């Protein structure tokens, strides 16, 4: 991303997209961490994500002097790329400069998150869909850790972490885990603002540190 002044002078908005699955049964599942992050940012910016656009529910706000479009694709996780690509076209955005995608990561422990400027989908179907739809891996992502111990029955069955994790990702989280995630969502909102204010490199230096 260019420096803050150049970023704020861009004519088009910055896109912040959180991934998840629509439907009441998925709201509190680990796979919806991206949706929950968008809701937290919207809450703090005092906007409501209720405008349907580009196969997503959206809201518009201003952060660090830049117009920002918050979006939650309603295509379901595996087809997230269709909505993200539509948003990029609609707002004439450069994915490498004007896009942040927030999603869950089973390989990061619950209570953590990591910002990365580019990379492979690493097994995440939503990220894979976006990379395919945009035909590039050059887009900023913020991965929220949801890794937790798999249910005993999954381990007893000899399921791999990735295979057993599929059921875990679509199962409502325990109250204790939601408490941990709630604290992370505030940090994710702060990190998003930092990206808009000072660029991803500064945000990574601040938030990617290991405790």
N, C-alpha and C. Protein backbone atom coordinates (compact mmCIF):
# COMPACT_ATOMS: atom_id res chain seq x y z
N UNK A 1 0.84 -1.19 0.00
CA UNK A 1 0.00 0.00 0.00
C UNK A 1 0.87 1.24 0.00
N UNK A 2 0.46 2.28 -0.68
CA UNK A 2 1.21 3.52 -0.70
C UNK A 2 1.11 4.20 0.65
N UNK A 3 1.83 5.31 0.80
CA UNK A 3 1.80 5.97 2.10
C UNK A 3 0.41 6.51 2.39
N UNK A 4 0.23 6.99 3.63
CA UNK A 4 -1.10 7.36 4.09
C UNK A 4 -1.71 8.48 3.26
N UNK A 5 -0.90 9.50 2.92
CA UNK A 5 -1.45 10.63 2.17
C UNK A 5 -1.92 10.20 0.80
N UNK A 6 -1.10 9.41 0.09
CA UNK A 6 -1.51 8.95 -1.23
C UNK A 6 -2.74 8.08 -1.13
N UNK A 7 -2.77 7.20 -0.08
CA UNK A 7 -3.91 6.31 0.10
C UNK A 7 -5.19 7.09 0.29
N UNK A 8 -5.13 8.16 1.12
CA UNK A 8 -6.33 8.93 1.42
C UNK A 8 -6.80 9.74 0.22
N UNK A 9 -5.86 10.00 -0.73
CA UNK A 9 -6.23 10.79 -1.89
C UNK A 9 -6.77 9.96 -3.04
N UNK A 10 -6.79 8.64 -2.89
CA UNK A 10 -7.34 7.81 -3.95
C UNK A 10 -8.83 8.13 -4.13
N UNK A 11 -9.28 8.08 -5.37
CA UNK A 11 -10.68 8.39 -5.62
C UNK A 11 -11.60 7.26 -5.18
N UNK A 12 -11.16 6.02 -5.37
CA UNK A 12 -12.00 4.89 -5.02
C UNK A 12 -11.86 4.51 -3.56
N UNK A 13 -12.80 3.70 -3.07
CA UNK A 13 -12.76 3.29 -1.66
C UNK A 13 -11.80 2.12 -1.43
N UNK A 14 -11.49 1.91 -0.20
CA UNK A 14 -10.75 0.74 0.24
C UNK A 14 -11.77 -0.32 0.64
N UNK A 15 -11.56 -1.56 0.20
CA UNK A 15 -12.51 -2.64 0.45
C UNK A 15 -12.02 -3.50 1.61
N UNK A 16 -12.86 -3.68 2.61
CA UNK A 16 -12.57 -4.59 3.71
C UNK A 16 -13.64 -5.67 3.68
N UNK A 17 -13.24 -6.88 3.34
CA UNK A 17 -14.19 -7.99 3.15
C UNK A 17 -13.94 -9.06 4.20
N UNK A 18 -14.97 -9.43 4.93
CA UNK A 18 -14.88 -10.53 5.88
C UNK A 18 -15.59 -11.74 5.32
N UNK A 19 -14.97 -12.90 5.47
CA UNK A 19 -15.55 -14.12 4.90
C UNK A 19 -16.33 -14.91 5.95
N UNK A 20 -17.35 -15.61 5.46
CA UNK A 20 -18.18 -16.43 6.33
C UNK A 20 -19.30 -17.06 5.53
N UNK A 21 -20.26 -17.61 6.24
CA UNK A 21 -21.44 -18.21 5.63
C UNK A 21 -22.69 -17.49 6.14
N UNK A 22 -23.61 -17.10 5.24
CA UNK A 22 -24.85 -16.49 5.70
C UNK A 22 -25.76 -17.53 6.35
N UNK A 23 -26.62 -17.06 7.23
CA UNK A 23 -27.56 -17.97 7.89
C UNK A 23 -27.36 -17.99 9.40
N UNK A 24 -28.46 -18.03 10.12
CA UNK A 24 -28.40 -17.97 11.58
C UNK A 24 -27.60 -19.12 12.18
N UNK A 25 -27.63 -20.28 11.51
CA UNK A 25 -26.95 -21.45 12.08
C UNK A 25 -25.44 -21.32 12.05
N UNK A 26 -24.92 -20.36 11.29
CA UNK A 26 -23.47 -20.22 11.15
C UNK A 26 -22.88 -19.03 11.93
N UNK A 27 -23.74 -18.20 12.51
CA UNK A 27 -23.28 -16.92 13.07
C UNK A 27 -22.10 -17.09 14.02
N UNK A 28 -22.18 -18.01 14.96
CA UNK A 28 -21.17 -18.12 16.02
C UNK A 28 -20.19 -19.27 15.77
N UNK A 29 -20.04 -19.67 14.53
CA UNK A 29 -19.09 -20.73 14.22
C UNK A 29 -17.71 -20.15 13.93
N UNK A 30 -16.63 -20.93 14.12
CA UNK A 30 -15.28 -20.42 13.83
C UNK A 30 -15.12 -19.94 12.40
N UNK A 31 -15.81 -20.58 11.46
CA UNK A 31 -15.68 -20.22 10.04
C UNK A 31 -16.23 -18.84 9.74
N UNK A 32 -16.99 -18.27 10.68
CA UNK A 32 -17.57 -16.94 10.47
C UNK A 32 -16.80 -15.84 11.18
N UNK A 33 -15.57 -16.10 11.54
CA UNK A 33 -14.77 -15.08 12.21
C UNK A 33 -14.64 -13.81 11.37
N UNK A 34 -14.57 -13.97 10.05
CA UNK A 34 -14.47 -12.81 9.17
C UNK A 34 -15.72 -11.95 9.21
N UNK A 35 -16.89 -12.59 9.20
CA UNK A 35 -18.15 -11.86 9.33
C UNK A 35 -18.19 -11.11 10.66
N UNK A 36 -17.79 -11.79 11.73
CA UNK A 36 -17.83 -11.17 13.06
C UNK A 36 -16.89 -9.97 13.13
N UNK A 37 -15.76 -10.05 12.43
CA UNK A 37 -14.83 -8.93 12.41
C UNK A 37 -15.44 -7.72 11.71
N UNK A 38 -16.11 -7.96 10.59
CA UNK A 38 -16.78 -6.86 9.89
C UNK A 38 -17.84 -6.23 10.77
N UNK A 39 -18.61 -7.06 11.46
CA UNK A 39 -19.63 -6.53 12.37
C UNK A 39 -19.00 -5.68 13.47
N UNK A 40 -17.85 -6.09 13.98
CA UNK A 40 -17.19 -5.32 15.05
C UNK A 40 -16.68 -3.98 14.52
N UNK A 41 -16.07 -3.99 13.34
CA UNK A 41 -15.61 -2.74 12.75
C UNK A 41 -16.79 -1.81 12.50
N UNK A 42 -17.87 -2.36 11.95
CA UNK A 42 -19.07 -1.56 11.67
C UNK A 42 -19.64 -0.97 12.96
N UNK A 43 -19.67 -1.77 14.01
CA UNK A 43 -20.18 -1.29 15.29
C UNK A 43 -19.35 -0.12 15.79
N UNK A 44 -18.04 -0.24 15.70
CA UNK A 44 -17.17 0.83 16.19
C UNK A 44 -17.24 2.07 15.32
N UNK A 45 -17.53 1.88 14.03
CA UNK A 45 -17.65 3.02 13.12
C UNK A 45 -19.08 3.54 13.04
N UNK A 46 -19.98 2.92 13.81
CA UNK A 46 -21.38 3.34 13.89
C UNK A 46 -22.09 3.29 12.53
N UNK A 47 -21.89 2.18 11.83
CA UNK A 47 -22.64 1.94 10.60
C UNK A 47 -23.25 0.55 10.67
N UNK A 48 -24.22 0.30 9.81
CA UNK A 48 -24.91 -0.98 9.78
C UNK A 48 -24.67 -1.67 8.44
N UNK A 49 -24.28 -2.93 8.50
CA UNK A 49 -24.00 -3.68 7.28
C UNK A 49 -25.31 -4.26 6.76
N UNK A 50 -26.04 -3.44 6.01
CA UNK A 50 -27.37 -3.87 5.58
C UNK A 50 -27.69 -3.48 4.14
N UNK A 51 -26.70 -3.05 3.38
CA UNK A 51 -26.91 -2.68 1.99
C UNK A 51 -26.45 -3.82 1.08
N UNK A 52 -27.37 -4.37 0.29
CA UNK A 52 -27.01 -5.49 -0.58
C UNK A 52 -26.38 -4.96 -1.87
N UNK A 53 -25.15 -5.41 -2.13
CA UNK A 53 -24.42 -4.94 -3.30
C UNK A 53 -23.36 -5.96 -3.68
N UNK A 54 -23.24 -6.25 -4.95
CA UNK A 54 -22.19 -7.16 -5.45
C UNK A 54 -22.21 -8.51 -4.72
N UNK A 55 -23.40 -9.05 -4.53
CA UNK A 55 -23.58 -10.35 -3.87
C UNK A 55 -22.99 -10.34 -2.46
N UNK A 56 -23.16 -9.20 -1.78
CA UNK A 56 -22.66 -9.06 -0.41
C UNK A 56 -23.54 -8.07 0.34
N UNK A 57 -23.51 -8.16 1.66
CA UNK A 57 -24.08 -7.13 2.52
C UNK A 57 -22.97 -6.15 2.83
N UNK A 58 -23.24 -4.85 2.63
CA UNK A 58 -22.18 -3.86 2.74
C UNK A 58 -22.58 -2.67 3.60
N UNK A 59 -21.58 -1.90 3.98
CA UNK A 59 -21.75 -0.62 4.65
C UNK A 59 -20.58 0.25 4.24
N UNK A 60 -20.77 1.55 4.30
CA UNK A 60 -19.71 2.50 3.93
C UNK A 60 -19.41 3.41 5.11
N UNK A 61 -18.12 3.64 5.35
CA UNK A 61 -17.71 4.54 6.42
C UNK A 61 -16.41 5.22 5.98
N UNK A 62 -15.87 6.06 6.84
CA UNK A 62 -14.58 6.69 6.58
C UNK A 62 -13.63 6.35 7.71
N UNK A 63 -12.44 5.88 7.33
CA UNK A 63 -11.39 5.56 8.30
C UNK A 63 -10.11 6.21 7.83
N UNK A 64 -9.48 6.98 8.68
CA UNK A 64 -8.24 7.68 8.35
C UNK A 64 -8.39 8.52 7.08
N UNK A 65 -9.56 9.14 6.92
CA UNK A 65 -9.81 10.00 5.78
C UNK A 65 -10.11 9.28 4.48
N UNK A 66 -10.19 7.97 4.53
CA UNK A 66 -10.43 7.17 3.31
C UNK A 66 -11.82 6.57 3.37
N UNK A 67 -12.54 6.63 2.26
CA UNK A 67 -13.82 5.93 2.19
C UNK A 67 -13.54 4.43 2.23
N UNK A 68 -14.30 3.73 3.05
CA UNK A 68 -14.11 2.29 3.24
C UNK A 68 -15.44 1.58 3.03
N UNK A 69 -15.41 0.53 2.24
CA UNK A 69 -16.58 -0.32 2.05
C UNK A 69 -16.36 -1.60 2.85
N UNK A 70 -17.22 -1.85 3.82
CA UNK A 70 -17.21 -3.09 4.59
C UNK A 70 -18.15 -4.07 3.91
N UNK A 71 -17.72 -5.31 3.74
CA UNK A 71 -18.56 -6.25 2.99
C UNK A 71 -18.51 -7.65 3.59
N UNK A 72 -19.68 -8.31 3.56
CA UNK A 72 -19.82 -9.71 3.96
C UNK A 72 -20.49 -10.45 2.80
N UNK A 73 -19.73 -11.19 2.00
CA UNK A 73 -20.32 -11.90 0.86
C UNK A 73 -21.42 -12.87 1.32
N UNK A 74 -22.51 -12.92 0.55
CA UNK A 74 -23.59 -13.85 0.88
C UNK A 74 -23.60 -15.04 -0.07
N UNK A 75 -22.44 -15.34 -0.66
CA UNK A 75 -22.30 -16.43 -1.63
C UNK A 75 -21.96 -17.76 -0.98
N UNK A 76 -21.79 -17.79 0.33
CA UNK A 76 -21.21 -18.91 1.07
C UNK A 76 -19.71 -18.94 0.81
N UNK A 77 -19.00 -19.52 1.77
CA UNK A 77 -17.54 -19.43 1.81
C UNK A 77 -16.88 -19.87 0.51
N UNK A 78 -17.27 -21.00 -0.02
CA UNK A 78 -16.55 -21.57 -1.17
C UNK A 78 -16.66 -20.76 -2.44
N UNK A 79 -17.61 -19.82 -2.49
CA UNK A 79 -17.78 -18.97 -3.67
C UNK A 79 -17.51 -17.51 -3.35
N UNK A 80 -16.74 -17.25 -2.32
CA UNK A 80 -16.46 -15.87 -1.90
C UNK A 80 -15.85 -15.04 -3.01
N UNK A 81 -15.07 -15.68 -3.87
CA UNK A 81 -14.39 -14.95 -4.93
C UNK A 81 -15.35 -14.24 -5.88
N UNK A 82 -16.52 -14.81 -6.10
CA UNK A 82 -17.49 -14.18 -7.01
C UNK A 82 -17.89 -12.81 -6.49
N UNK A 83 -18.11 -12.70 -5.19
CA UNK A 83 -18.49 -11.42 -4.61
C UNK A 83 -17.32 -10.46 -4.56
N UNK A 84 -16.15 -10.95 -4.15
CA UNK A 84 -14.98 -10.07 -4.06
C UNK A 84 -14.61 -9.52 -5.43
N UNK A 85 -14.64 -10.37 -6.44
CA UNK A 85 -14.32 -9.90 -7.79
C UNK A 85 -15.33 -8.86 -8.26
N UNK A 86 -16.61 -9.06 -7.92
CA UNK A 86 -17.63 -8.09 -8.29
C UNK A 86 -17.40 -6.75 -7.60
N UNK A 87 -17.01 -6.78 -6.33
CA UNK A 87 -16.70 -5.55 -5.60
C UNK A 87 -15.51 -4.83 -6.22
N UNK A 88 -14.47 -5.60 -6.54
CA UNK A 88 -13.28 -5.01 -7.16
C UNK A 88 -13.64 -4.32 -8.48
N UNK A 89 -14.49 -4.96 -9.28
CA UNK A 89 -14.90 -4.35 -10.55
C UNK A 89 -15.77 -3.13 -10.32
N UNK A 90 -16.72 -3.26 -9.40
CA UNK A 90 -17.67 -2.16 -9.15
C UNK A 90 -16.94 -0.89 -8.72
N UNK A 91 -15.94 -1.04 -7.87
CA UNK A 91 -15.26 0.14 -7.33
C UNK A 91 -13.91 0.41 -8.00
N UNK A 92 -13.64 -0.33 -9.08
CA UNK A 92 -12.39 -0.15 -9.83
C UNK A 92 -11.19 -0.19 -8.89
N UNK A 93 -11.19 -1.18 -8.01
CA UNK A 93 -10.14 -1.31 -7.01
C UNK A 93 -8.97 -2.12 -7.53
N UNK A 94 -7.80 -1.83 -7.02
CA UNK A 94 -6.60 -2.62 -7.29
C UNK A 94 -6.46 -3.61 -6.14
N UNK A 95 -6.62 -4.91 -6.37
CA UNK A 95 -6.56 -5.87 -5.26
C UNK A 95 -5.29 -5.77 -4.42
N UNK A 96 -4.17 -5.39 -5.03
CA UNK A 96 -2.92 -5.32 -4.29
C UNK A 96 -2.80 -4.05 -3.45
N UNK A 97 -3.69 -3.07 -3.68
CA UNK A 97 -3.60 -1.79 -2.98
C UNK A 97 -4.85 -1.43 -2.18
N UNK A 98 -6.00 -1.91 -2.63
CA UNK A 98 -7.28 -1.40 -2.12
C UNK A 98 -8.15 -2.48 -1.49
N UNK A 99 -7.58 -3.61 -1.12
CA UNK A 99 -8.40 -4.72 -0.64
C UNK A 99 -7.76 -5.37 0.58
N UNK A 100 -8.56 -5.58 1.61
CA UNK A 100 -8.19 -6.38 2.78
C UNK A 100 -9.26 -7.43 2.97
N UNK A 101 -8.85 -8.69 3.06
CA UNK A 101 -9.79 -9.79 3.30
C UNK A 101 -9.49 -10.39 4.67
N UNK A 102 -10.53 -10.53 5.47
CA UNK A 102 -10.40 -11.06 6.83
C UNK A 102 -11.09 -12.42 6.88
N UNK A 103 -10.37 -13.44 7.35
CA UNK A 103 -10.98 -14.77 7.42
C UNK A 103 -10.33 -15.61 8.51
N UNK A 104 -10.95 -16.72 8.82
CA UNK A 104 -10.51 -17.62 9.88
C UNK A 104 -9.33 -18.47 9.41
N UNK A 105 -8.52 -18.92 10.36
CA UNK A 105 -7.40 -19.81 10.04
C UNK A 105 -7.28 -20.86 11.13
N UNK A 106 -7.50 -22.11 10.73
CA UNK A 106 -7.44 -23.23 11.66
C UNK A 106 -6.02 -23.50 12.14
N UNK A 107 -5.03 -23.04 11.37
CA UNK A 107 -3.64 -23.31 11.73
C UNK A 107 -3.06 -22.29 12.70
N UNK A 108 -3.80 -21.21 12.98
CA UNK A 108 -3.38 -20.24 13.99
C UNK A 108 -4.20 -20.49 15.26
N UNK A 109 -3.57 -20.39 16.43
CA UNK A 109 -4.31 -20.66 17.66
C UNK A 109 -5.37 -19.60 17.95
N UNK A 110 -6.44 -20.04 18.55
CA UNK A 110 -7.48 -19.11 18.99
C UNK A 110 -6.86 -18.06 19.91
N UNK A 111 -7.20 -16.81 19.66
CA UNK A 111 -6.63 -15.73 20.44
C UNK A 111 -5.55 -14.97 19.70
N UNK A 112 -5.24 -15.41 18.47
CA UNK A 112 -4.20 -14.75 17.69
C UNK A 112 -4.74 -14.35 16.32
N UNK A 113 -3.99 -13.52 15.63
CA UNK A 113 -4.27 -13.22 14.24
C UNK A 113 -2.98 -12.77 13.57
N UNK A 114 -2.97 -12.80 12.25
CA UNK A 114 -1.77 -12.44 11.50
C UNK A 114 -2.15 -11.73 10.22
N UNK A 115 -1.39 -10.69 9.89
CA UNK A 115 -1.58 -9.92 8.67
C UNK A 115 -0.51 -10.35 7.67
N UNK A 116 -0.91 -10.54 6.43
CA UNK A 116 0.02 -10.95 5.39
C UNK A 116 -0.36 -10.30 4.08
N UNK A 117 0.63 -9.83 3.33
CA UNK A 117 0.35 -9.07 2.11
C UNK A 117 0.02 -9.94 0.90
N UNK A 118 0.47 -11.18 0.91
CA UNK A 118 0.24 -12.08 -0.24
C UNK A 118 0.47 -13.50 0.22
N UNK A 119 0.13 -14.46 -0.61
CA UNK A 119 0.41 -15.84 -0.27
C UNK A 119 -0.61 -16.80 -0.84
N UNK A 120 -0.35 -18.08 -0.66
CA UNK A 120 -1.25 -19.11 -1.15
C UNK A 120 -2.45 -19.25 -0.22
N UNK A 121 -3.52 -19.86 -0.70
CA UNK A 121 -4.72 -20.03 0.14
C UNK A 121 -4.49 -20.94 1.34
N UNK A 122 -3.47 -21.81 1.28
CA UNK A 122 -3.13 -22.70 2.40
C UNK A 122 -4.33 -23.53 2.86
N UNK A 123 -5.11 -24.03 1.90
CA UNK A 123 -6.21 -24.92 2.25
C UNK A 123 -7.52 -24.24 2.60
N UNK A 124 -7.55 -22.91 2.62
CA UNK A 124 -8.79 -22.21 2.96
C UNK A 124 -9.61 -22.00 1.69
N UNK A 125 -10.81 -22.56 1.66
CA UNK A 125 -11.62 -22.53 0.44
C UNK A 125 -12.03 -21.13 0.03
N UNK A 126 -12.31 -20.27 1.00
CA UNK A 126 -12.68 -18.90 0.66
C UNK A 126 -11.52 -18.15 0.03
N UNK A 127 -10.33 -18.31 0.62
CA UNK A 127 -9.14 -17.66 0.06
C UNK A 127 -8.82 -18.22 -1.32
N UNK A 128 -8.99 -19.52 -1.49
CA UNK A 128 -8.75 -20.13 -2.80
C UNK A 128 -9.70 -19.56 -3.84
N UNK A 129 -10.96 -19.38 -3.47
CA UNK A 129 -11.95 -18.84 -4.39
C UNK A 129 -11.58 -17.41 -4.79
N UNK A 130 -11.11 -16.61 -3.84
CA UNK A 130 -10.74 -15.23 -4.15
C UNK A 130 -9.53 -15.19 -5.08
N UNK A 131 -8.51 -15.98 -4.76
CA UNK A 131 -7.32 -16.02 -5.61
C UNK A 131 -7.69 -16.43 -7.04
N UNK A 132 -8.58 -17.41 -7.17
CA UNK A 132 -9.00 -17.83 -8.49
C UNK A 132 -9.78 -16.76 -9.23
N UNK A 133 -10.69 -16.09 -8.53
CA UNK A 133 -11.53 -15.08 -9.17
C UNK A 133 -10.73 -13.84 -9.57
N UNK A 134 -9.73 -13.49 -8.75
CA UNK A 134 -8.91 -12.31 -9.05
C UNK A 134 -7.71 -12.64 -9.92
N UNK A 135 -7.42 -13.94 -10.06
CA UNK A 135 -6.26 -14.39 -10.83
C UNK A 135 -4.96 -13.82 -10.29
N UNK A 136 -4.88 -13.67 -8.98
CA UNK A 136 -3.67 -13.19 -8.33
C UNK A 136 -3.69 -13.55 -6.85
N UNK A 137 -2.49 -13.73 -6.28
CA UNK A 137 -2.34 -13.92 -4.85
C UNK A 137 -1.94 -12.62 -4.17
N UNK A 138 -1.84 -11.55 -4.95
CA UNK A 138 -1.38 -10.27 -4.44
C UNK A 138 -2.55 -9.49 -3.83
N UNK A 139 -3.01 -9.94 -2.68
CA UNK A 139 -4.04 -9.20 -1.95
C UNK A 139 -3.79 -9.38 -0.46
N UNK A 140 -4.07 -8.32 0.28
CA UNK A 140 -3.80 -8.28 1.72
C UNK A 140 -4.82 -9.11 2.46
N UNK A 141 -4.33 -9.92 3.40
CA UNK A 141 -5.26 -10.73 4.19
C UNK A 141 -4.91 -10.64 5.68
N UNK A 142 -5.95 -10.74 6.49
CA UNK A 142 -5.81 -10.80 7.94
C UNK A 142 -6.49 -12.09 8.39
N UNK A 143 -5.68 -13.01 8.89
CA UNK A 143 -6.18 -14.34 9.26
C UNK A 143 -6.39 -14.40 10.77
N UNK A 144 -7.59 -14.73 11.18
CA UNK A 144 -7.94 -14.82 12.60
C UNK A 144 -7.80 -16.27 13.06
N UNK A 145 -6.98 -16.50 14.05
CA UNK A 145 -6.79 -17.85 14.55
C UNK A 145 -8.04 -18.40 15.22
N UNK A 146 -8.44 -19.59 14.80
CA UNK A 146 -9.57 -20.27 15.43
C UNK A 146 -9.17 -21.68 15.84
N UNK A 147 -7.88 -21.98 15.74
CA UNK A 147 -7.42 -23.31 16.08
C UNK A 147 -7.64 -23.63 17.54
N UNK A 148 -8.30 -24.71 17.79
CA UNK A 148 -8.55 -25.18 19.14
C UNK A 148 -8.48 -26.69 19.11
N UNK A 149 -8.45 -27.31 20.27
CA UNK A 149 -8.43 -28.77 20.30
C UNK A 149 -9.68 -29.31 19.62
N UNK A 150 -9.48 -30.26 18.71
CA UNK A 150 -10.62 -30.86 18.05
C UNK A 150 -11.43 -31.69 19.05
N UNK A 151 -12.71 -31.89 18.80
CA UNK A 151 -13.53 -32.70 19.70
C UNK A 151 -12.93 -34.08 19.88
N UNK A 152 -13.03 -34.66 21.06
CA UNK A 152 -12.46 -35.99 21.32
C UNK A 152 -12.92 -37.04 20.33
N UNK A 153 -14.18 -36.94 19.90
CA UNK A 153 -14.68 -37.96 18.97
C UNK A 153 -13.96 -37.89 17.62
N UNK A 154 -13.54 -36.66 17.23
CA UNK A 154 -12.81 -36.55 15.97
C UNK A 154 -11.43 -37.18 16.10
N UNK A 155 -10.79 -36.94 17.23
CA UNK A 155 -9.48 -37.53 17.46
C UNK A 155 -9.57 -39.05 17.58
N UNK A 156 -10.61 -39.52 18.27
CA UNK A 156 -10.77 -40.96 18.46
C UNK A 156 -10.99 -41.66 17.14
N UNK A 157 -11.60 -40.97 16.20
CA UNK A 157 -11.87 -41.56 14.90
C UNK A 157 -10.64 -41.54 14.00
N UNK A 158 -9.58 -40.91 14.49
CA UNK A 158 -8.34 -40.86 13.73
C UNK A 158 -8.38 -39.85 12.60
N UNK A 159 -9.28 -38.87 12.69
CA UNK A 159 -9.37 -37.86 11.64
C UNK A 159 -8.16 -36.94 11.69
N UNK A 160 -7.75 -36.48 10.52
CA UNK A 160 -6.65 -35.52 10.47
C UNK A 160 -7.17 -34.18 10.97
N UNK A 161 -6.26 -33.27 11.31
CA UNK A 161 -6.66 -31.95 11.78
C UNK A 161 -7.51 -31.25 10.73
N UNK A 162 -7.07 -31.32 9.48
CA UNK A 162 -7.79 -30.60 8.44
C UNK A 162 -9.15 -31.21 8.20
N UNK A 163 -9.24 -32.54 8.13
CA UNK A 163 -10.52 -33.19 7.87
C UNK A 163 -11.44 -33.06 9.07
N UNK A 164 -10.90 -33.31 10.27
CA UNK A 164 -11.72 -33.17 11.47
C UNK A 164 -12.12 -31.74 11.71
N UNK A 165 -11.24 -30.81 11.26
CA UNK A 165 -11.52 -29.40 11.47
C UNK A 165 -12.72 -28.90 10.72
N UNK A 166 -13.10 -29.58 9.66
CA UNK A 166 -14.24 -29.13 8.87
C UNK A 166 -15.50 -29.08 9.72
N UNK A 167 -15.77 -30.12 10.50
CA UNK A 167 -16.93 -30.11 11.38
C UNK A 167 -16.77 -29.07 12.48
N UNK A 168 -15.57 -28.97 12.99
CA UNK A 168 -15.29 -27.99 14.05
C UNK A 168 -15.58 -26.57 13.57
N UNK A 169 -15.17 -26.26 12.35
CA UNK A 169 -15.33 -24.91 11.82
C UNK A 169 -16.79 -24.52 11.65
N UNK A 170 -17.67 -25.50 11.48
CA UNK A 170 -19.09 -25.22 11.25
C UNK A 170 -19.95 -25.51 12.46
N UNK A 171 -19.30 -25.69 13.61
CA UNK A 171 -20.02 -25.95 14.87
C UNK A 171 -19.95 -24.70 15.74
N UNK A 172 -21.08 -24.26 16.32
CA UNK A 172 -21.06 -23.08 17.18
C UNK A 172 -19.99 -23.19 18.27
N UNK A 173 -19.31 -22.08 18.51
CA UNK A 173 -18.21 -22.06 19.47
C UNK A 173 -18.73 -22.09 20.90
N UNK A 174 -17.90 -22.62 21.78
CA UNK A 174 -18.23 -22.62 23.20
C UNK A 174 -18.15 -21.19 23.75
N UNK A 175 -18.86 -20.95 24.84
CA UNK A 175 -18.89 -19.61 25.42
C UNK A 175 -17.50 -19.13 25.77
N UNK A 176 -16.67 -20.00 26.32
CA UNK A 176 -15.31 -19.60 26.70
C UNK A 176 -14.49 -19.19 25.47
N UNK A 177 -14.67 -19.92 24.36
CA UNK A 177 -13.94 -19.59 23.14
C UNK A 177 -14.44 -18.28 22.54
N UNK A 178 -15.73 -18.04 22.62
CA UNK A 178 -16.29 -16.79 22.12
C UNK A 178 -15.76 -15.60 22.90
N UNK A 179 -15.52 -15.80 24.19
CA UNK A 179 -14.95 -14.72 25.01
C UNK A 179 -13.56 -14.36 24.52
N UNK A 180 -12.77 -15.37 24.20
CA UNK A 180 -11.43 -15.13 23.66
C UNK A 180 -11.52 -14.44 22.31
N UNK A 181 -12.40 -14.93 21.44
CA UNK A 181 -12.55 -14.34 20.12
C UNK A 181 -13.01 -12.89 20.20
N UNK A 182 -13.88 -12.60 21.16
CA UNK A 182 -14.40 -11.25 21.32
C UNK A 182 -13.26 -10.26 21.55
N UNK A 183 -12.28 -10.64 22.35
CA UNK A 183 -11.13 -9.76 22.60
C UNK A 183 -10.30 -9.59 21.33
N UNK A 184 -10.16 -10.66 20.55
CA UNK A 184 -9.39 -10.59 19.32
C UNK A 184 -10.06 -9.66 18.31
N UNK A 185 -11.38 -9.68 18.25
CA UNK A 185 -12.08 -8.86 17.27
C UNK A 185 -11.81 -7.37 17.49
N UNK A 186 -11.69 -6.95 18.74
CA UNK A 186 -11.33 -5.55 19.00
C UNK A 186 -9.94 -5.25 18.46
N UNK A 187 -9.00 -6.18 18.62
CA UNK A 187 -7.65 -5.98 18.10
C UNK A 187 -7.64 -5.97 16.58
N UNK A 188 -8.47 -6.81 15.98
CA UNK A 188 -8.57 -6.86 14.53
C UNK A 188 -9.10 -5.52 13.99
N UNK A 189 -10.09 -4.96 14.68
CA UNK A 189 -10.61 -3.66 14.27
C UNK A 189 -9.53 -2.59 14.37
N UNK A 190 -8.74 -2.63 15.43
CA UNK A 190 -7.64 -1.67 15.59
C UNK A 190 -6.60 -1.86 14.50
N UNK A 191 -6.28 -3.12 14.20
CA UNK A 191 -5.29 -3.41 13.16
C UNK A 191 -5.77 -2.92 11.80
N UNK A 192 -7.06 -3.06 11.53
CA UNK A 192 -7.62 -2.58 10.26
C UNK A 192 -7.46 -1.07 10.15
N UNK A 193 -7.74 -0.37 11.22
CA UNK A 193 -7.55 1.08 11.20
C UNK A 193 -6.08 1.44 10.99
N UNK A 194 -5.19 0.66 11.62
CA UNK A 194 -3.76 0.94 11.46
C UNK A 194 -3.33 0.76 10.01
N UNK A 195 -3.88 -0.25 9.35
CA UNK A 195 -3.57 -0.47 7.94
C UNK A 195 -3.98 0.75 7.12
N UNK A 196 -5.16 1.30 7.41
CA UNK A 196 -5.62 2.48 6.67
C UNK A 196 -4.81 3.71 7.03
N UNK A 197 -4.39 3.82 8.28
CA UNK A 197 -3.67 5.00 8.74
C UNK A 197 -2.21 5.01 8.29
N UNK A 198 -1.54 3.87 8.42
CA UNK A 198 -0.09 3.85 8.26
C UNK A 198 0.42 2.80 7.28
N UNK A 199 -0.45 1.98 6.73
CA UNK A 199 -0.04 0.97 5.77
C UNK A 199 0.17 -0.39 6.41
N UNK A 200 0.15 -1.44 5.59
CA UNK A 200 0.23 -2.80 6.13
C UNK A 200 1.56 -3.13 6.79
N UNK A 201 2.66 -2.57 6.31
CA UNK A 201 3.96 -2.89 6.91
C UNK A 201 4.01 -2.48 8.38
N UNK A 202 3.53 -1.28 8.66
CA UNK A 202 3.49 -0.81 10.05
C UNK A 202 2.56 -1.69 10.88
N UNK A 203 1.41 -2.04 10.31
CA UNK A 203 0.47 -2.88 11.04
C UNK A 203 1.06 -4.26 11.32
N UNK A 204 1.76 -4.83 10.35
CA UNK A 204 2.38 -6.14 10.55
C UNK A 204 3.45 -6.08 11.64
N UNK A 205 4.25 -5.03 11.61
CA UNK A 205 5.29 -4.89 12.64
C UNK A 205 4.69 -4.80 14.03
N UNK A 206 3.53 -4.18 14.12
CA UNK A 206 2.89 -4.00 15.43
C UNK A 206 2.13 -5.23 15.89
N UNK A 207 1.39 -5.87 14.98
CA UNK A 207 0.45 -6.91 15.40
C UNK A 207 0.91 -8.34 15.13
N UNK A 208 1.94 -8.54 14.31
CA UNK A 208 2.38 -9.90 14.03
C UNK A 208 3.43 -10.39 15.00
N UNK A 209 3.74 -9.61 16.01
CA UNK A 209 4.72 -10.03 17.00
C UNK A 209 4.19 -11.21 17.80
N UNK A 210 5.07 -12.14 18.10
CA UNK A 210 4.69 -13.29 18.92
C UNK A 210 4.77 -12.89 20.39
N UNK A 211 3.75 -13.31 21.16
CA UNK A 211 3.77 -13.06 22.60
C UNK A 211 4.80 -13.99 23.24
